[in-house]
Amino acid sequence: MSLAGSLALAMILDALLGEPAWLWKRVPHPAVLMGRAVGWLDETFNEGANRFAKGAVGVLAFCVIAAALGWVISDLPMGGLFEILIAAILLAQRSLSDHVQAVADGLRGSVSAGRASVAMIVGRDTSDMNGAAVSRSAIESAAENFSDGVVAPVFWFLVAGLPGLFVYKLVNTADSMIGHRTPRHEAFGKFAARLDDAMNWIPARATALLFIASKRGWGALPLIRRDAPLHRSPNAGWPEAAMAATLDVALSGPRSYEGRLQDFPWVNGKGARDIGAKEIDQSVDMLWSGWWLLLGFVILLAVAT
């Protein structure tokens, strides 16, 4: 079976089953194992001089190991089946849509319930959020994580099979753990952060196209091109700006991290700001619309190859 055929089956399997809690309570998720490896790297080598070089060599070494592991699994007698199962595990469509939907459902009960649900998917302070801030956070998370958790894994699997998927997930995990501009990680995690930026460059822009194509909102392209660079990330601004323009809501803006308010610019600043559960529902619909388009593209590739 072609890579595209295996991937189509993996996408469908992920959409149907998501993340079975009973399984991951018994065995560690592959992403958890990657996180432990990056944590060991951080604790062992992030000290003294030459931290940038140490971080770069460490991440590259783990990328080589991840690629080799992917190649070995693919080359097993039943490697094709393992590829499908592992790819399904490392895709996040169902879990992402479920987590975002949980915020809308919680917000319909109370703002505090919405805060509790959104705190599970964002890293910003949530304790003082009003309903609109909860909704923006959930929608932003939906847009960014669809790119990181669905489109990028699909892209790298198509490019390089299971080795490509493993390397991408490792780099993305490393970026989330050590790719921060903090005194501890500014140098050590810089390589991981820049490599993650490079690996997400195409998927982030492809995600924006999927969002606007799903709603035939091609007129939003100028706004997206204008507002995407406002984001502090060179990539996350594209899916976020596309989601904001397509739903006609204002995203980003001021938010608090670790008790400190940060004044980020608004994306689609003229869009609606007084938003709630209904707009989160619409963002979940957008996730599935984009997913169906992506699945259709993968199936076409499978037929063609």
Protein backbone atom coordinates (compact mmCIF):
# COMPACT_ATOMS: atom_id res chain seq x y z
CA MET A 1 0.00 0.00 0.00
CA SER A 2 1.22 3.51 -0.80
CA LEU A 3 2.10 6.02 1.91
CA ALA A 4 -1.01 8.04 1.00
CA GLY A 5 -3.21 4.95 1.28
CA SER A 6 -1.81 4.10 4.71
CA LEU A 7 -2.23 7.69 5.78
CA ALA A 8 -5.87 7.84 4.68
CA LEU A 9 -6.64 4.78 6.81
CA ALA A 10 -4.73 6.30 9.74
CA MET A 11 -6.68 9.55 9.47
CA ILE A 12 -9.98 7.69 9.48
CA LEU A 13 -8.91 5.53 12.42
CA ASP A 14 -7.89 8.60 14.43
CA ALA A 15 -11.16 10.37 13.61
CA LEU A 16 -13.17 7.35 14.77
CA LEU A 17 -11.27 6.39 17.92
CA GLY A 18 -9.26 9.42 19.03
CA GLU A 19 -7.16 8.82 22.15
CA PRO A 20 -8.53 5.80 24.08
CA ALA A 21 -7.97 6.68 27.73
CA TRP A 22 -7.99 3.03 28.82
CA LEU A 23 -4.92 2.36 26.67
CA TRP A 24 -2.80 5.35 27.68
CA LYS A 25 -3.48 4.72 31.35
CA ARG A 26 -1.69 1.40 30.93
CA VAL A 27 1.15 2.22 28.55
CA PRO A 28 2.93 5.52 27.85
CA HIS A 29 1.88 7.42 24.75
CA PRO A 30 4.70 7.83 22.18
CA ALA A 31 4.54 11.60 22.66
CA VAL A 32 5.05 11.08 26.40
CA LEU A 33 8.16 8.99 25.66
CA MET A 34 9.47 11.75 23.40
CA GLY A 35 8.80 14.26 26.17
CA ARG A 36 10.76 12.17 28.65
CA ALA A 37 13.69 12.01 26.22
CA VAL A 38 13.69 15.78 25.75
CA GLY A 39 13.37 16.27 29.51
CA TRP A 40 16.41 14.04 30.06
CA LEU A 41 18.33 16.06 27.47
CA ASP A 42 17.41 19.29 29.21
CA GLU A 43 18.31 18.08 32.69
CA THR A 44 21.58 16.46 31.61
CA PHE A 45 23.13 18.94 29.18
CA ASN A 46 21.50 22.35 29.74
CA GLU A 47 24.27 23.78 31.89
CA GLY A 48 27.64 25.44 31.57
CA ALA A 49 29.05 26.86 28.35
CA ASN A 50 28.10 26.16 24.72
CA ARG A 51 24.45 25.56 25.51
CA PHE A 52 23.29 26.28 21.96
CA ALA A 53 25.67 23.67 20.56
CA LYS A 54 24.67 21.15 23.22
CA GLY A 55 20.98 21.64 22.50
CA ALA A 56 21.48 21.46 18.73
CA VAL A 57 23.58 18.29 18.86
CA GLY A 58 21.17 16.66 21.32
CA VAL A 59 18.10 17.39 19.21
CA LEU A 60 19.83 16.26 16.03
CA ALA A 61 20.94 13.04 17.70
CA PHE A 62 17.39 12.30 18.81
CA CYS A 63 16.14 13.10 15.27
CA VAL A 64 18.53 10.49 13.87
CA ILE A 65 17.33 7.95 16.44
CA ALA A 66 13.67 8.77 15.70
CA ALA A 67 14.18 8.43 11.95
CA ALA A 68 16.04 5.14 12.38
CA LEU A 69 13.27 3.79 14.62
CA GLY A 70 10.65 4.77 12.06
CA TRP A 71 12.62 3.05 9.31
CA VAL A 72 13.02 -0.14 11.37
CA ILE A 73 9.29 -0.31 12.16
CA SER A 74 8.35 0.30 8.53
CA ASP A 75 10.69 -2.49 7.43
CA LEU A 76 9.14 -5.11 9.72
CA PRO A 77 7.13 -7.97 8.16
CA MET A 78 3.87 -6.24 9.15
CA GLY A 79 5.38 -2.76 8.88
CA GLY A 80 2.49 -1.39 6.84
CA LEU A 81 0.00 -2.20 9.58
CA PHE A 82 2.26 -0.69 12.22
CA GLU A 83 2.60 2.45 10.11
CA ILE A 84 -1.18 2.89 10.01
CA LEU A 85 -1.63 2.30 13.74
CA ILE A 86 1.25 4.55 14.81
CA ALA A 87 0.26 7.33 12.42
CA ALA A 88 -3.29 7.18 13.82
CA ILE A 89 -1.87 7.48 17.34
CA LEU A 90 0.26 10.50 16.42
CA LEU A 91 -2.55 12.35 14.66
CA ALA A 92 -4.73 14.54 16.87
CA GLN A 93 -7.90 15.41 14.97
CA ARG A 94 -10.41 13.66 17.21
CA SER A 95 -8.74 14.58 20.50
CA LEU A 96 -8.32 18.21 19.43
CA SER A 97 -11.93 18.63 18.34
CA ASP A 98 -13.16 16.89 21.52
CA HIS A 99 -11.07 19.15 23.78
CA VAL A 100 -12.19 22.32 22.00
CA GLN A 101 -15.82 21.20 22.03
CA ALA A 102 -15.52 20.56 25.78
CA VAL A 103 -14.76 24.26 26.26
CA ALA A 104 -17.97 25.25 24.47
CA ASP A 105 -19.97 22.72 26.46
CA GLY A 106 -18.43 23.93 29.71
CA LEU A 107 -19.02 27.57 28.86
CA ARG A 108 -22.71 26.88 28.33
CA GLY A 109 -22.85 25.77 31.95
CA SER A 110 -20.77 28.56 33.49
CA VAL A 111 -17.72 30.72 32.85
CA SER A 112 -15.80 28.83 35.53
CA ALA A 113 -16.50 25.51 33.79
CA GLY A 114 -15.31 27.03 30.53
CA ARG A 115 -12.14 28.25 32.22
CA ALA A 116 -11.46 24.78 33.63
CA SER A 117 -11.83 23.20 30.19
CA VAL A 118 -9.75 25.76 28.32
CA ALA A 119 -6.98 25.53 30.94
CA MET A 120 -6.37 21.99 29.66
CA ILE A 121 -5.41 23.18 26.17
CA VAL A 122 -3.71 26.58 26.64
CA GLY A 123 -0.70 27.78 28.59
CA ARG A 124 -1.92 31.27 29.45
CA ASP A 125 -3.53 32.35 32.74
CA THR A 126 -7.22 31.43 32.81
CA SER A 127 -8.39 32.29 36.32
CA ASP A 128 -9.63 35.81 35.46
CA MET A 129 -10.94 35.14 31.96
CA ASN A 130 -14.43 36.22 31.00
CA GLY A 131 -16.51 34.22 28.55
CA ALA A 132 -15.16 36.03 25.48
CA ALA A 133 -11.54 35.44 26.53
CA VAL A 134 -12.27 31.76 27.12
CA SER A 135 -13.80 31.53 23.65
CA ARG A 136 -10.88 33.28 21.95
CA SER A 137 -8.41 31.00 23.70
CA ALA A 138 -10.27 27.88 22.58
CA ILE A 139 -10.57 29.07 18.98
CA GLU A 140 -6.89 30.06 18.81
CA SER A 141 -5.91 26.67 20.20
CA ALA A 142 -8.13 24.96 17.63
CA ALA A 143 -6.47 26.82 14.75
CA GLU A 144 -2.86 26.42 15.89
CA ASN A 145 -3.16 22.80 16.98
CA PHE A 146 -4.91 21.75 13.79
CA SER A 147 -1.76 22.87 12.02
CA ASP A 148 0.67 21.30 14.50
CA GLY A 149 -1.34 18.19 15.36
CA VAL A 150 -2.99 17.25 12.07
CA VAL A 151 -1.73 19.04 8.96
CA ALA A 152 1.99 18.96 9.78
CA PRO A 153 2.01 15.25 10.73
CA VAL A 154 0.10 14.46 7.53
CA PHE A 155 2.58 16.51 5.49
CA TRP A 156 5.69 14.91 6.97
CA PHE A 157 4.26 11.40 6.70
CA LEU A 158 3.62 12.00 3.01
CA VAL A 159 7.13 13.39 2.56
CA ALA A 160 9.11 10.76 4.48
CA GLY A 161 6.78 8.11 5.88
CA LEU A 162 7.03 7.02 9.49
CA PRO A 163 10.61 8.36 9.89
CA GLY A 164 9.41 11.81 8.81
CA LEU A 165 6.45 11.67 11.17
CA PHE A 166 8.65 10.59 14.11
CA VAL A 167 11.16 13.35 13.45
CA TYR A 168 8.44 15.99 13.19
CA LYS A 169 6.75 14.92 16.42
CA LEU A 170 10.09 14.87 18.24
CA VAL A 171 11.02 18.35 17.05
CA ASN A 172 7.56 19.70 17.86
CA THR A 173 7.74 18.17 21.36
CA ALA A 174 11.22 19.63 21.89
CA ASP A 175 10.03 23.07 20.81
CA SER A 176 7.10 22.95 23.24
CA MET A 177 9.39 21.97 26.12
CA ILE A 178 12.64 23.87 25.57
CA GLY A 179 11.98 26.27 22.69
CA HIS A 180 11.18 29.22 24.95
CA ARG A 181 12.88 32.60 25.24
CA THR A 182 13.65 32.22 28.92
CA PRO A 183 17.00 32.53 30.69
CA ARG A 184 17.22 28.75 30.97
CA HIS A 185 16.20 27.86 27.42
CA GLU A 186 17.07 30.87 25.26
CA ALA A 187 20.29 29.28 23.99
CA PHE A 188 19.72 25.57 24.67
CA GLY A 189 16.34 25.40 22.95
CA LYS A 190 16.98 27.86 20.13
CA PHE A 191 17.89 25.20 17.57
CA ALA A 192 14.79 23.16 18.38
CA ALA A 193 12.61 26.27 18.05
CA ARG A 194 14.10 27.27 14.68
CA LEU A 195 13.89 23.70 13.34
CA ASP A 196 10.25 23.53 14.41
CA ASP A 197 9.61 26.83 12.61
CA ALA A 198 11.15 25.40 9.45
CA MET A 199 9.21 22.14 9.60
CA ASN A 200 5.91 23.97 10.16
CA TRP A 201 6.38 26.65 7.48
CA ILE A 202 4.48 24.83 4.73
CA PRO A 203 1.87 23.09 6.98
CA ALA A 204 0.87 26.38 8.65
CA ARG A 205 0.14 28.04 5.35
CA ALA A 206 -1.56 24.93 4.02
CA THR A 207 -3.81 25.01 7.10
CA ALA A 208 -4.86 28.56 6.29
CA LEU A 209 -5.75 27.46 2.76
CA LEU A 210 -7.76 24.50 4.09
CA PHE A 211 -9.78 26.78 6.37
CA ILE A 212 -10.67 29.32 3.70
CA ALA A 213 -11.26 26.62 1.06
CA SER A 214 -13.66 24.79 3.36
CA LYS A 215 -15.86 27.88 3.48
CA ARG A 216 -14.96 29.19 0.00
CA GLY A 217 -13.75 32.31 1.72
CA TRP A 218 -11.11 33.30 -0.81
CA GLY A 219 -11.89 36.96 -0.25
CA ALA A 220 -10.23 36.65 3.15
CA LEU A 221 -6.79 36.06 1.65
CA PRO A 222 -5.68 39.75 1.76
CA LEU A 223 -6.72 40.02 5.41
CA ILE A 224 -4.89 36.81 6.28
CA ARG A 225 -1.72 37.95 4.54
CA ARG A 226 -1.96 41.26 6.40
CA ASP A 227 -2.63 39.89 9.88
CA ALA A 228 -0.68 36.61 9.96
CA PRO A 229 2.67 38.41 10.48
CA LEU A 230 1.23 40.18 13.55
CA HIS A 231 1.53 36.91 15.50
CA ARG A 232 4.67 36.40 17.59
CA SER A 233 5.15 33.05 15.83
CA PRO A 234 6.20 33.01 12.13
CA ASN A 235 3.75 30.16 11.53
CA ALA A 236 0.90 30.15 14.05
CA GLY A 237 -0.42 33.45 12.73
CA TRP A 238 -1.51 31.85 9.44
CA PRO A 239 -4.06 29.34 10.73
CA GLU A 240 -5.15 31.79 13.43
CA ALA A 241 -5.69 34.64 10.95
CA ALA A 242 -7.56 32.29 8.60
CA MET A 243 -9.83 31.09 11.41
CA ALA A 244 -10.44 34.67 12.56
CA ALA A 245 -11.24 35.93 9.08
CA THR A 246 -13.48 33.00 8.17
CA LEU A 247 -15.49 33.19 11.40
CA ASP A 248 -15.28 37.02 11.43
CA VAL A 249 -14.05 37.12 15.02
CA ALA A 250 -11.16 39.03 16.58
CA LEU A 251 -8.45 36.76 18.02
CA SER A 252 -5.21 37.19 19.93
CA GLY A 253 -5.06 40.55 21.71
CA PRO A 254 -3.97 41.09 25.35
CA ARG A 255 -3.57 38.02 27.57
CA SER A 256 -1.77 37.09 30.77
CA TYR A 257 1.10 34.66 31.26
CA GLU A 258 2.35 33.83 34.76
CA GLY A 259 0.54 36.82 36.20
CA ARG A 260 1.94 39.31 33.67
CA LEU A 261 -0.36 40.95 31.12
CA GLN A 262 1.08 41.01 27.62
CA ASP A 263 -0.33 43.35 24.99
CA PHE A 264 -0.38 41.30 21.78
CA PRO A 265 -1.98 42.87 18.69
CA TRP A 266 -5.43 41.80 17.58
CA VAL A 267 -5.82 39.51 14.59
CA ASN A 268 -8.81 40.58 12.48
CA GLY A 269 -9.31 43.39 14.96
CA LYS A 270 -12.57 44.53 13.35
CA GLY A 271 -14.14 41.11 13.91
CA ALA A 272 -16.56 40.30 16.73
CA ARG A 273 -15.03 40.40 20.22
CA ASP A 274 -18.08 39.58 22.30
CA ILE A 275 -18.09 35.89 21.44
CA GLY A 276 -19.06 32.69 23.22
CA ALA A 277 -19.85 29.01 22.89
CA LYS A 278 -21.49 29.43 19.48
CA GLU A 279 -18.26 30.66 17.92
CA ILE A 280 -16.32 27.78 19.49
CA ASP A 281 -18.84 25.40 17.91
CA GLN A 282 -18.16 27.07 14.58
CA SER A 283 -14.40 26.60 15.02
CA VAL A 284 -14.93 22.89 15.68
CA ASP A 285 -17.01 22.69 12.50
CA MET A 286 -14.10 24.35 10.72
CA LEU A 287 -11.70 21.72 12.08
CA TRP A 288 -13.82 18.97 10.58
CA SER A 289 -14.37 20.81 7.30
CA GLY A 290 -10.62 21.26 6.94
CA TRP A 291 -10.07 17.62 7.90
CA TRP A 292 -12.47 16.37 5.23
CA LEU A 293 -10.69 18.43 2.58
CA LEU A 294 -7.33 17.11 3.75
CA LEU A 295 -8.60 13.52 3.74
CA GLY A 296 -9.95 13.99 0.24
CA PHE A 297 -6.56 15.26 -0.94
CA VAL A 298 -4.79 12.27 0.64
CA ILE A 299 -7.26 9.82 -0.96
CA LEU A 300 -6.68 11.43 -4.37
CA LEU A 301 -2.94 10.97 -3.87
CA ALA A 302 -3.51 7.34 -2.90
CA VAL A 303 -5.55 6.72 -6.06
CA ALA A 304 -2.97 8.48 -8.21
CA THR A 305 -0.07 6.51 -6.77
